[in-house]
């Protein structure tokens, strides 16, 4: 998994350098931006997925601070979808 993640970072850096070198000379330099935005989207998606898992784990523990703040199950269902 880490090898795939490292190769995506290398591809992103190469795309950034490719865009910086060709943005004034080529009309196709915008294609170098696609891997950069895909990597940013993927990292943001992983962060949201991790946050959702942490909230769900906190709601399973009845004595947790998050459960005591929400005071019931209504807020738990709402927060678990964000």
PDB file of N, CA and C in Angstrom:
ATOM      1  N   UNK A   1       0.821  -1.199   0.000  1.00  0.00           N
ATOM      2  CA  UNK A   1       0.000   0.000   0.000  1.00  0.00           C
ATOM      3  C   UNK A   1       0.860   1.256   0.000  1.00  0.00           C
ATOM      4  N   UNK A   2       1.925   1.239   0.789  1.00  0.00           N
ATOM      5  CA  UNK A   2       2.752   2.439   0.857  1.00  0.00           C
ATOM      6  C   UNK A   2       3.512   2.659  -0.443  1.00  0.00           C
ATOM      7  N   UNK A   3       3.844   1.557  -1.158  1.00  0.00           N
ATOM      8  CA  UNK A   3       4.528   1.709  -2.437  1.00  0.00           C
ATOM      9  C   UNK A   3       3.619   2.395  -3.450  1.00  0.00           C
ATOM     10  N   UNK A   4       2.343   2.028  -3.446  1.00  0.00           N
ATOM     11  CA  UNK A   4       1.380   2.678  -4.333  1.00  0.00           C
ATOM     12  C   UNK A   4       1.193   4.142  -3.952  1.00  0.00           C
ATOM     13  N   UNK A   5       1.159   4.417  -2.666  1.00  0.00           N
ATOM     14  CA  UNK A   5       0.994   5.794  -2.208  1.00  0.00           C
ATOM     15  C   UNK A   5       2.215   6.629  -2.579  1.00  0.00           C
ATOM     16  N   UNK A   6       3.408   6.067  -2.406  1.00  0.00           N
ATOM     17  CA  UNK A   6       4.622   6.795  -2.760  1.00  0.00           C
ATOM     18  C   UNK A   6       4.709   7.034  -4.260  1.00  0.00           C
ATOM     19  N   UNK A   7       4.288   6.058  -5.054  1.00  0.00           N
ATOM     20  CA  UNK A   7       4.338   6.249  -6.502  1.00  0.00           C
ATOM     21  C   UNK A   7       3.332   7.305  -6.956  1.00  0.00           C
ATOM     22  N   UNK A   8       2.201   7.415  -6.263  1.00  0.00           N
ATOM     23  CA  UNK A   8       1.248   8.468  -6.625  1.00  0.00           C
ATOM     24  C   UNK A   8       1.801   9.845  -6.268  1.00  0.00           C
ATOM     25  N   UNK A   9       2.549   9.931  -5.154  1.00  0.00           N
ATOM     26  CA  UNK A   9       3.179  11.203  -4.803  1.00  0.00           C
ATOM     27  C   UNK A   9       4.260  11.576  -5.809  1.00  0.00           C
ATOM     28  N   UNK A  10       5.019  10.584  -6.263  1.00  0.00           N
ATOM     29  CA  UNK A  10       6.054  10.848  -7.264  1.00  0.00           C
ATOM     30  C   UNK A  10       5.411  11.301  -8.566  1.00  0.00           C
ATOM     31  N   UNK A  11       4.317  10.643  -8.961  1.00  0.00           N
ATOM     32  CA  UNK A  11       3.601  11.047 -10.173  1.00  0.00           C
ATOM     33  C   UNK A  11       3.057  12.467 -10.036  1.00  0.00           C
ATOM     34  N   UNK A  12       2.586  12.814  -8.856  1.00  0.00           N
ATOM     35  CA  UNK A  12       2.082  14.167  -8.619  1.00  0.00           C
ATOM     36  C   UNK A  12       3.194  15.199  -8.723  1.00  0.00           C
ATOM     37  N   UNK A  13       4.342  14.903  -8.152  1.00  0.00           N
ATOM     38  CA  UNK A  13       5.469  15.834  -8.252  1.00  0.00           C
ATOM     39  C   UNK A  13       5.954  15.976  -9.688  1.00  0.00           C
ATOM     40  N   UNK A  14       6.022  14.865 -10.412  1.00  0.00           N
ATOM     41  CA  UNK A  14       6.422  14.938 -11.819  1.00  0.00           C
ATOM     42  C   UNK A  14       5.406  15.725 -12.639  1.00  0.00           C
ATOM     43  N   UNK A  15       4.134  15.563 -12.322  1.00  0.00           N
ATOM     44  CA  UNK A  15       3.096  16.326 -13.019  1.00  0.00           C
ATOM     45  C   UNK A  15       3.212  17.814 -12.722  1.00  0.00           C
ATOM     46  N   UNK A  16       3.527  18.137 -11.487  1.00  0.00           N
ATOM     47  CA  UNK A  16       3.710  19.541 -11.124  1.00  0.00           C
ATOM     48  C   UNK A  16       4.886  20.146 -11.878  1.00  0.00           C
ATOM     49  N   UNK A  17       6.004  19.436 -11.922  1.00  0.00           N
ATOM     50  CA  UNK A  17       7.160  19.932 -12.667  1.00  0.00           C
ATOM     51  C   UNK A  17       6.867  20.005 -14.164  1.00  0.00           C
ATOM     52  N   UNK A  18       6.134  19.015 -14.679  1.00  0.00           N
ATOM     53  CA  UNK A  18       5.766  19.048 -16.089  1.00  0.00           C
ATOM     54  C   UNK A  18       4.883  20.234 -16.421  1.00  0.00           C
ATOM     55  N   UNK A  19       3.943  20.535 -15.540  1.00  0.00           N
ATOM     56  CA  UNK A  19       3.084  21.693 -15.771  1.00  0.00           C
ATOM     57  C   UNK A  19       3.882  22.990 -15.708  1.00  0.00           C
ATOM     58  N   UNK A  20       4.767  23.101 -14.718  1.00  0.00           N
ATOM     59  CA  UNK A  20       5.556  24.329 -14.584  1.00  0.00           C
ATOM     60  C   UNK A  20       6.487  24.546 -15.768  1.00  0.00           C
ATOM     61  N   UNK A  21       6.983  23.472 -16.355  1.00  0.00           N
ATOM     62  CA  UNK A  21       7.890  23.610 -17.494  1.00  0.00           C
ATOM     63  C   UNK A  21       7.169  23.886 -18.809  1.00  0.00           C
ATOM     64  N   UNK A  22       5.913  23.468 -18.933  1.00  0.00           N
ATOM     65  CA  UNK A  22       5.229  23.564 -20.227  1.00  0.00           C
ATOM     66  C   UNK A  22       4.026  24.489 -20.245  1.00  0.00           C
ATOM     67  N   UNK A  23       3.739  25.207 -19.178  1.00  0.00           N
ATOM     68  CA  UNK A  23       2.478  25.942 -19.149  1.00  0.00           C
ATOM     69  C   UNK A  23       2.445  27.119 -20.113  1.00  0.00           C
ATOM     70  N   UNK A  24       3.584  27.630 -20.535  1.00  0.00           N
ATOM     71  CA  UNK A  24       3.581  28.739 -21.487  1.00  0.00           C
ATOM     72  C   UNK A  24       3.762  28.274 -22.924  1.00  0.00           C
ATOM     73  N   UNK A  25       4.227  27.059 -23.123  1.00  0.00           N
ATOM     74  CA  UNK A  25       4.552  26.598 -24.465  1.00  0.00           C
ATOM     75  C   UNK A  25       3.552  25.626 -25.071  1.00  0.00           C
ATOM     76  N   UNK A  26       2.713  25.033 -24.271  1.00  0.00           N
ATOM     77  CA  UNK A  26       1.848  23.981 -24.794  1.00  0.00           C
ATOM     78  C   UNK A  26       0.403  24.207 -24.357  1.00  0.00           C
ATOM     79  N   UNK A  27      -0.492  23.862 -25.259  1.00  0.00           N
ATOM     80  CA  UNK A  27      -1.913  23.953 -24.924  1.00  0.00           C
ATOM     81  C   UNK A  27      -2.365  22.737 -24.114  1.00  0.00           C
ATOM     82  N   UNK A  28      -1.550  21.693 -24.111  1.00  0.00           N
ATOM     83  CA  UNK A  28      -1.905  20.463 -23.406  1.00  0.00           C
ATOM     84  C   UNK A  28      -1.294  20.381 -22.014  1.00  0.00           C
ATOM     85  N   UNK A  29      -0.746  21.464 -21.540  1.00  0.00           N
ATOM     86  CA  UNK A  29      -0.110  21.431 -20.220  1.00  0.00           C
ATOM     87  C   UNK A  29      -1.126  21.272 -19.091  1.00  0.00           C
ATOM     88  N   UNK A  30      -2.386  21.577 -19.355  1.00  0.00           N
ATOM     89  CA  UNK A  30      -3.408  21.409 -18.316  1.00  0.00           C
ATOM     90  C   UNK A  30      -3.638  19.944 -17.966  1.00  0.00           C
ATOM     91  N   UNK A  31      -3.261  19.041 -18.865  1.00  0.00           N
ATOM     92  CA  UNK A  31      -3.392  17.615 -18.557  1.00  0.00           C
ATOM     93  C   UNK A  31      -2.455  17.189 -17.430  1.00  0.00           C
ATOM     94  N   UNK A  32      -1.395  17.961 -17.201  1.00  0.00           N
ATOM     95  CA  UNK A  32      -0.503  17.664 -16.086  1.00  0.00           C
ATOM     96  C   UNK A  32      -1.156  17.971 -14.739  1.00  0.00           C
ATOM     97  N   UNK A  33      -2.206  18.768 -14.737  1.00  0.00           N
ATOM     98  CA  UNK A  33      -2.874  19.119 -13.482  1.00  0.00           C
ATOM     99  C   UNK A  33      -3.835  18.032 -12.993  1.00  0.00           C
ATOM    100  N   UNK A  34      -4.231  17.134 -13.872  1.00  0.00           N
ATOM    101  CA  UNK A  34      -5.200  16.098 -13.493  1.00  0.00           C
ATOM    102  C   UNK A  34      -4.686  15.218 -12.355  1.00  0.00           C
ATOM    103  N   UNK A  35      -3.457  14.660 -12.432  1.00  0.00           N
ATOM    104  CA  UNK A  35      -2.998  13.843 -11.291  1.00  0.00           C
ATOM    105  C   UNK A  35      -2.850  14.629  -9.991  1.00  0.00           C
ATOM    106  N   UNK A  36      -2.549  15.904 -10.089  1.00  0.00           N
ATOM    107  CA  UNK A  36      -2.413  16.719  -8.879  1.00  0.00           C
ATOM    108  C   UNK A  36      -3.757  16.845  -8.172  1.00  0.00           C
ATOM    109  N   UNK A  37      -4.797  17.164  -8.928  1.00  0.00           N
ATOM    110  CA  UNK A  37      -6.117  17.308  -8.315  1.00  0.00           C
ATOM    111  C   UNK A  37      -6.689  15.968  -7.868  1.00  0.00           C
ATOM    112  N   UNK A  38      -6.379  14.893  -8.590  1.00  0.00           N
ATOM    113  CA  UNK A  38      -6.832  13.573  -8.149  1.00  0.00           C
ATOM    114  C   UNK A  38      -6.183  13.174  -6.827  1.00  0.00           C
ATOM    115  N   UNK A  39      -4.908  13.495  -6.664  1.00  0.00           N
ATOM    116  CA  UNK A  39      -4.227  13.181  -5.408  1.00  0.00           C
ATOM    117  C   UNK A  39      -4.787  14.012  -4.265  1.00  0.00           C
ATOM    118  N   UNK A  40      -5.053  15.287  -4.506  1.00  0.00           N
ATOM    119  CA  UNK A  40      -5.656  16.125  -3.464  1.00  0.00           C
ATOM    120  C   UNK A  40      -7.046  15.624  -3.079  1.00  0.00           C
ATOM    121  N   UNK A  41      -7.827  15.228  -4.083  1.00  0.00           N
ATOM    122  CA  UNK A  41      -9.159  14.691  -3.814  1.00  0.00           C
ATOM    123  C   UNK A  41      -9.066  13.404  -3.005  1.00  0.00           C
ATOM    124  N   UNK A  42      -8.126  12.524  -3.374  1.00  0.00           N
ATOM    125  CA  UNK A  42      -7.994  11.244  -2.684  1.00  0.00           C
ATOM    126  C   UNK A  42      -7.564  11.444  -1.228  1.00  0.00           C
ATOM    127  N   UNK A  43      -6.633  12.361  -0.974  1.00  0.00           N
ATOM    128  CA  UNK A  43      -6.193  12.630   0.396  1.00  0.00           C
ATOM    129  C   UNK A  43      -7.334  13.220   1.225  1.00  0.00           C
ATOM    130  N   UNK A  44      -8.120  14.117   0.642  1.00  0.00           N
ATOM    131  CA  UNK A  44      -9.254  14.692   1.354  1.00  0.00           C
ATOM    132  C   UNK A  44     -10.309  13.629   1.644  1.00  0.00           C
ATOM    133  N   UNK A  45     -10.534  12.723   0.678  1.00  0.00           N
ATOM    134  CA  UNK A  45     -11.492  11.642   0.871  1.00  0.00           C
ATOM    135  C   UNK A  45     -11.037  10.711   1.995  1.00  0.00           C
ATOM    136  N   UNK A  46      -9.754  10.385   2.048  1.00  0.00           N
ATOM    137  CA  UNK A  46      -9.247   9.524   3.119  1.00  0.00           C
ATOM    138  C   UNK A  46      -9.373  10.195   4.482  1.00  0.00           C
ATOM    139  N   UNK A  47      -9.151  11.510   4.527  1.00  0.00           N
ATOM    140  CA  UNK A  47      -9.306  12.238   5.785  1.00  0.00           C
ATOM    141  C   UNK A  47     -10.756  12.198   6.259  1.00  0.00           C
ATOM    142  N   UNK A  48     -11.704  12.400   5.348  1.00  0.00           N
ATOM    143  CA  UNK A  48     -13.116  12.358   5.737  1.00  0.00           C
ATOM    144  C   UNK A  48     -13.537  10.962   6.171  1.00  0.00           C
ATOM    145  N   UNK A  49     -13.006   9.945   5.507  1.00  0.00           N
ATOM    146  CA  UNK A  49     -13.323   8.568   5.876  1.00  0.00           C
ATOM    147  C   UNK A  49     -12.774   8.247   7.266  1.00  0.00           C
ATOM    148  N   UNK A  50     -11.562   8.710   7.554  1.00  0.00           N
ATOM    149  CA  UNK A  50     -10.984   8.498   8.878  1.00  0.00           C
ATOM    150  C   UNK A  50     -11.791   9.221   9.950  1.00  0.00           C
ATOM    151  N   UNK A  51     -12.213  10.442   9.657  1.00  0.00           N
ATOM    152  CA  UNK A  51     -13.006  11.215  10.614  1.00  0.00           C
ATOM    153  C   UNK A  51     -14.342  10.530  10.898  1.00  0.00           C
ATOM    154  N   UNK A  52     -14.961  10.002   9.853  1.00  0.00           N
ATOM    155  CA  UNK A  52     -16.234   9.310  10.027  1.00  0.00           C
ATOM    156  C   UNK A  52     -16.052   8.054  10.877  1.00  0.00           C
ATOM    157  N   UNK A  53     -14.961   7.324  10.664  1.00  0.00           N
ATOM    158  CA  UNK A  53     -14.712   6.123  11.460  1.00  0.00           C
ATOM    159  C   UNK A  53     -14.442   6.464  12.919  1.00  0.00           C
ATOM    160  N   UNK A  54     -13.756   7.558  13.170  1.00  0.00           N
ATOM    161  CA  UNK A  54     -13.496   7.970  14.555  1.00  0.00           C
ATOM    162  C   UNK A  54     -14.797   8.347  15.250  1.00  0.00           C
ATOM    163  N   UNK A  55     -15.668   9.063  14.561  1.00  0.00           N
ATOM    164  CA  UNK A  55     -16.954   9.448  15.157  1.00  0.00           C
ATOM    165  C   UNK A  55     -17.815   8.219  15.415  1.00  0.00           C
ATOM    166  N   UNK A  56     -17.832   7.274  14.479  1.00  0.00           N
ATOM    167  CA  UNK A  56     -18.619   6.058  14.693  1.00  0.00           C
ATOM    168  C   UNK A  56     -18.068   5.247  15.853  1.00  0.00           C
ATOM    169  N   UNK A  57     -16.747   5.193  15.973  1.00  0.00           N
ATOM    170  CA  UNK A  57     -16.140   4.466  17.087  1.00  0.00           C
ATOM    171  C   UNK A  57     -16.469   5.141  18.413  1.00  0.00           C
ATOM    172  N   UNK A  58     -16.496   6.456  18.432  1.00  0.00           N
ATOM    173  CA  UNK A  58     -16.823   7.179  19.667  1.00  0.00           C
ATOM    174  C   UNK A  58     -18.284   7.009  20.045  1.00  0.00           C
ATOM    175  N   UNK A  59     -19.148   6.834  19.057  1.00  0.00           N
ATOM    176  CA  UNK A  59     -20.564   6.652  19.386  1.00  0.00           C
ATOM    177  C   UNK A  59     -20.844   5.255  19.907  1.00  0.00           C
ATOM    178  N   UNK A  60     -19.990   4.300  19.577  1.00  0.00           N
ATOM    179  CA  UNK A  60     -20.197   2.947  20.086  1.00  0.00           C
ATOM    180  C   UNK A  60     -19.879   2.849  21.576  1.00  0.00           C
ATOM    181  N   UNK A  61     -18.994   3.700  22.035  1.00  0.00           N
ATOM    182  CA  UNK A  61     -18.629   3.703  23.448  1.00  0.00           C
ATOM    183  C   UNK A  61     -19.619   4.609  24.181  1.00  0.00           C
ATOM    184  N   UNK A  62     -20.432   4.018  25.013  1.00  0.00           N
ATOM    185  CA  UNK A  62     -21.517   4.771  25.651  1.00  0.00           C
ATOM    186  C   UNK A  62     -21.001   5.808  26.643  1.00  0.00           C
ATOM    187  N   UNK A  63     -19.869   5.570  27.263  1.00  0.00           N
ATOM    188  CA  UNK A  63     -19.369   6.506  28.258  1.00  0.00           C
ATOM    189  C   UNK A  63     -18.434   7.552  27.691  1.00  0.00           C
ATOM    190  N   UNK A  64     -18.336   7.638  26.368  1.00  0.00           N
ATOM    191  CA  UNK A  64     -17.387   8.581  25.777  1.00  0.00           C
ATOM    192  C   UNK A  64     -17.912  10.012  25.875  1.00  0.00           C
ATOM    193  N   UNK A  65     -17.009  10.945  25.724  1.00  0.00           N
ATOM    194  CA  UNK A  65     -17.372  12.360  25.812  1.00  0.00           C
ATOM    195  C   UNK A  65     -18.342  12.744  24.701  1.00  0.00           C
ATOM    196  N   UNK A  66     -18.134  12.216  23.494  1.00  0.00           N
ATOM    197  CA  UNK A  66     -19.012  12.542  22.375  1.00  0.00           C
ATOM    198  C   UNK A  66     -20.437  12.066  22.645  1.00  0.00           C
ATOM    199  N   UNK A  67     -20.578  10.883  23.245  1.00  0.00           N
ATOM    200  CA  UNK A  67     -21.911  10.363  23.548  1.00  0.00           C
ATOM    201  C   UNK A  67     -22.585  11.196  24.634  1.00  0.00           C
ATOM    202  N   UNK A  68     -21.809  11.634  25.604  1.00  0.00           N
ATOM    203  CA  UNK A  68     -22.390  12.454  26.676  1.00  0.00           C
ATOM    204  C   UNK A  68     -22.779  13.837  26.180  1.00  0.00           C
ATOM    205  N   UNK A  69     -22.010  14.393  25.239  1.00  0.00           N
ATOM    206  CA  UNK A  69     -22.349  15.713  24.693  1.00  0.00           C
ATOM    207  C   UNK A  69     -23.621  15.638  23.864  1.00  0.00           C
ATOM    208  N   UNK A  70     -23.755  14.587  23.074  1.00  0.00           N
ATOM    209  CA  UNK A  70     -24.916  14.491  22.190  1.00  0.00           C
ATOM    210  C   UNK A  70     -26.178  14.091  22.938  1.00  0.00           C
ATOM    211  N   UNK A  71     -26.045  13.446  24.101  1.00  0.00           N
ATOM    212  CA  UNK A  71     -27.176  13.079  24.966  1.00  0.00           C
ATOM    213  C   UNK A  71     -28.249  12.271  24.240  1.00  0.00           C
ATOM    214  N   UNK A  72     -27.865  11.247  23.576  1.00  0.00           N
ATOM    215  CA  UNK A  72     -28.847  10.378  22.965  1.00  0.00           C
ATOM    216  C   UNK A  72     -28.449   9.942  21.580  1.00  0.00           C
ATOM    217  N   UNK A  73     -29.390   9.293  20.931  1.00  0.00           N
ATOM    218  CA  UNK A  73     -29.088   8.697  19.641  1.00  0.00           C
ATOM    219  C   UNK A  73     -29.424   9.590  18.455  1.00  0.00           C
ATOM    220  N   UNK A  74     -30.206  10.625  18.649  1.00  0.00           N
ATOM    221  CA  UNK A  74     -30.618  11.457  17.518  1.00  0.00           C
ATOM    222  C   UNK A  74     -29.426  12.130  16.859  1.00  0.00           C
ATOM    223  N   UNK A  75     -28.581  12.755  17.664  1.00  0.00           N
ATOM    224  CA  UNK A  75     -27.411  13.429  17.105  1.00  0.00           C
ATOM    225  C   UNK A  75     -26.395  12.435  16.564  1.00  0.00           C
ATOM    226  N   UNK A  76     -26.366  11.255  17.123  1.00  0.00           N
ATOM    227  CA  UNK A  76     -25.407  10.246  16.668  1.00  0.00           C
ATOM    228  C   UNK A  76     -25.686   9.841  15.230  1.00  0.00           C
ATOM    229  N   UNK A  77     -26.940   9.687  14.896  1.00  0.00           N
ATOM    230  CA  UNK A  77     -27.281   9.332  13.521  1.00  0.00           C
ATOM    231  C   UNK A  77     -26.929  10.460  12.553  1.00  0.00           C
ATOM    232  N   UNK A  78     -27.112  11.677  12.971  1.00  0.00           N
ATOM    233  CA  UNK A  78     -26.791  12.821  12.113  1.00  0.00           C
ATOM    234  C   UNK A  78     -25.288  12.934  11.921  1.00  0.00           C
ATOM    235  N   UNK A  79     -24.515  12.858  13.016  1.00  0.00           N
ATOM    236  CA  UNK A  79     -23.068  13.042  12.926  1.00  0.00           C
ATOM    237  C   UNK A  79     -22.376  11.887  12.218  1.00  0.00           C
ATOM    238  N   UNK A  80     -22.950  10.705  12.232  1.00  0.00           N
ATOM    239  CA  UNK A  80     -22.284   9.560  11.606  1.00  0.00           C
ATOM    240  C   UNK A  80     -22.296   9.648  10.086  1.00  0.00           C
ATOM    241  N   UNK A  81     -23.128  10.503   9.514  1.00  0.00           N
ATOM    242  CA  UNK A  81     -23.167  10.631   8.060  1.00  0.00           C
ATOM    243  C   UNK A  81     -22.290  11.744   7.535  1.00  0.00           C
ATOM    244  N   UNK A  82     -21.641  12.514   8.388  1.00  0.00           N
ATOM    245  CA  UNK A  82     -20.788  13.610   7.935  1.00  0.00           C
ATOM    246  C   UNK A  82     -19.336  13.283   8.126  1.00  0.00           C
TER     247      UNK A  82
END
